[in-house]
Protein backbone atom coordinates (compact mmCIF):
# COMPACT_ATOMS: atom_id res chain seq x y z
CA MET A 1 33.16 -1.28 3.98
CA ASP A 2 33.38 2.32 5.16
CA ARG A 3 34.13 2.80 8.84
CA PHE A 4 32.73 6.03 10.19
CA VAL A 5 33.93 7.54 13.48
CA LEU A 6 31.45 9.21 15.82
CA LEU A 7 32.26 12.92 16.29
CA TYR A 8 29.08 14.18 17.94
CA SER A 9 25.76 12.88 19.23
CA ARG A 10 22.84 14.24 21.17
CA GLU A 11 19.36 13.15 22.11
CA LEU A 12 16.42 14.69 20.32
CA PRO A 13 13.34 16.03 22.10
CA GLY A 14 10.75 13.27 22.15
CA GLY A 15 13.31 10.50 21.59
CA GLY A 16 15.87 9.46 19.07
CA MET A 17 19.25 11.00 18.45
CA VAL A 18 21.32 12.91 15.92
CA THR A 19 24.96 12.07 15.16
CA ILE A 20 27.85 13.43 13.14
CA GLU A 21 30.23 10.76 11.84
CA SER A 22 33.36 11.11 9.73
CA LEU A 23 35.39 8.95 7.38
CA ALA A 24 38.96 9.81 6.39
CA VAL A 25 39.55 9.58 2.63
CA ASP A 26 42.78 9.39 0.58
CA SER A 27 45.16 8.51 3.41
CA GLY A 28 43.94 11.31 5.67
CA LYS A 29 44.18 14.07 3.04
CA SER A 30 40.44 14.73 3.14
CA CYS A 31 37.40 13.85 5.18
CA ARG A 32 33.82 12.88 4.42
CA ALA A 33 31.23 13.40 7.14
CA ARG A 34 27.50 12.91 7.53
CA ILE A 35 24.61 13.66 9.86
CA SER A 36 22.37 10.71 10.70
CA VAL A 37 19.09 10.98 12.57
CA GLU A 38 17.85 7.99 14.54
CA ARG A 39 14.18 8.64 15.07
CA ARG A 40 13.50 5.52 17.14
CA SER A 41 14.00 6.04 20.85
CA ASP A 42 13.89 2.32 21.71
CA PRO A 43 17.30 0.74 20.91
CA LYS A 44 15.61 -2.64 20.26
CA ARG A 45 13.60 -1.11 17.39
CA ARG A 46 16.80 0.22 15.75
CA GLU A 47 18.10 -3.23 14.75
CA GLY A 48 18.02 -3.78 11.00
CA HIS A 49 17.26 -0.12 10.41
CA THR A 50 19.62 2.35 8.77
CA PRO A 51 19.02 5.88 10.09
CA PRO A 52 18.38 8.62 7.51
CA VAL A 53 21.40 10.67 6.43
CA ILE A 54 20.16 14.26 6.22
CA ALA A 55 23.41 16.05 5.33
CA GLU A 56 26.90 15.24 4.09
CA ALA A 57 30.11 17.22 3.74
CA SER A 58 33.54 16.78 2.21
CA ALA A 59 36.32 18.87 3.72
CA PRO A 60 40.11 18.96 3.98
CA SER A 61 40.00 17.91 7.65
CA GLN A 62 37.76 16.28 10.22
CA ALA A 63 37.52 19.58 12.09
CA ALA A 64 36.37 21.45 8.97
CA ALA A 65 33.74 18.81 8.19
CA PHE A 66 32.51 18.90 11.80
CA LYS A 67 32.26 22.69 11.73
CA GLU A 68 30.22 22.57 8.54
CA LEU A 69 27.73 20.03 9.90
CA TYR A 70 27.52 21.07 13.56
CA GLU A 71 25.23 24.03 12.83
CA ILE A 72 22.64 21.63 11.42
CA ALA A 73 23.07 18.86 14.01
CA SER A 74 22.80 21.22 16.98
CA ASP A 75 19.58 22.92 15.76
CA ASN A 76 16.29 21.03 16.17
CA VAL A 77 14.59 23.03 13.41
CA ALA A 78 17.45 22.35 10.98
CA VAL A 79 17.30 18.62 11.82
CA ALA A 80 13.53 18.59 11.22
CA ARG A 81 14.03 20.43 7.92
CA GLY A 82 16.66 17.87 6.92
CA LEU A 83 14.28 15.01 7.68
CA ILE A 84 11.53 16.62 5.59
CA GLN A 85 13.93 17.05 2.67
CA TRP A 86 15.14 13.44 3.07
CA GLN A 87 11.55 12.19 2.96
CA ALA A 88 10.86 14.26 -0.17
CA ARG A 89 13.94 12.80 -1.91
CA ARG A 90 12.80 9.26 -1.06
CA ARG A 91 9.35 9.91 -2.53
CA SER A 92 10.81 11.27 -5.76
CA ASP A 93 13.13 8.23 -6.19
């Protein structure tokens, strides 16, 4: 099972939160990272629910992956756009 490490999190307006998590790959030679958006503000409602992943990155280091994803995670409009695109992908599957 993959074990992601939390690099960044912040609360969203109106509830929920956005996070950046990373996973080292190939003995630390590269890094995979993702942005997850938890839309449920009540922690009890989060159980059994996997938050949507709206963006992913592969980079040579954790810092490079973070830099690539931070622009999205720190911008409410970019997060909303990512959620809309995630919903569209789910409908087409």
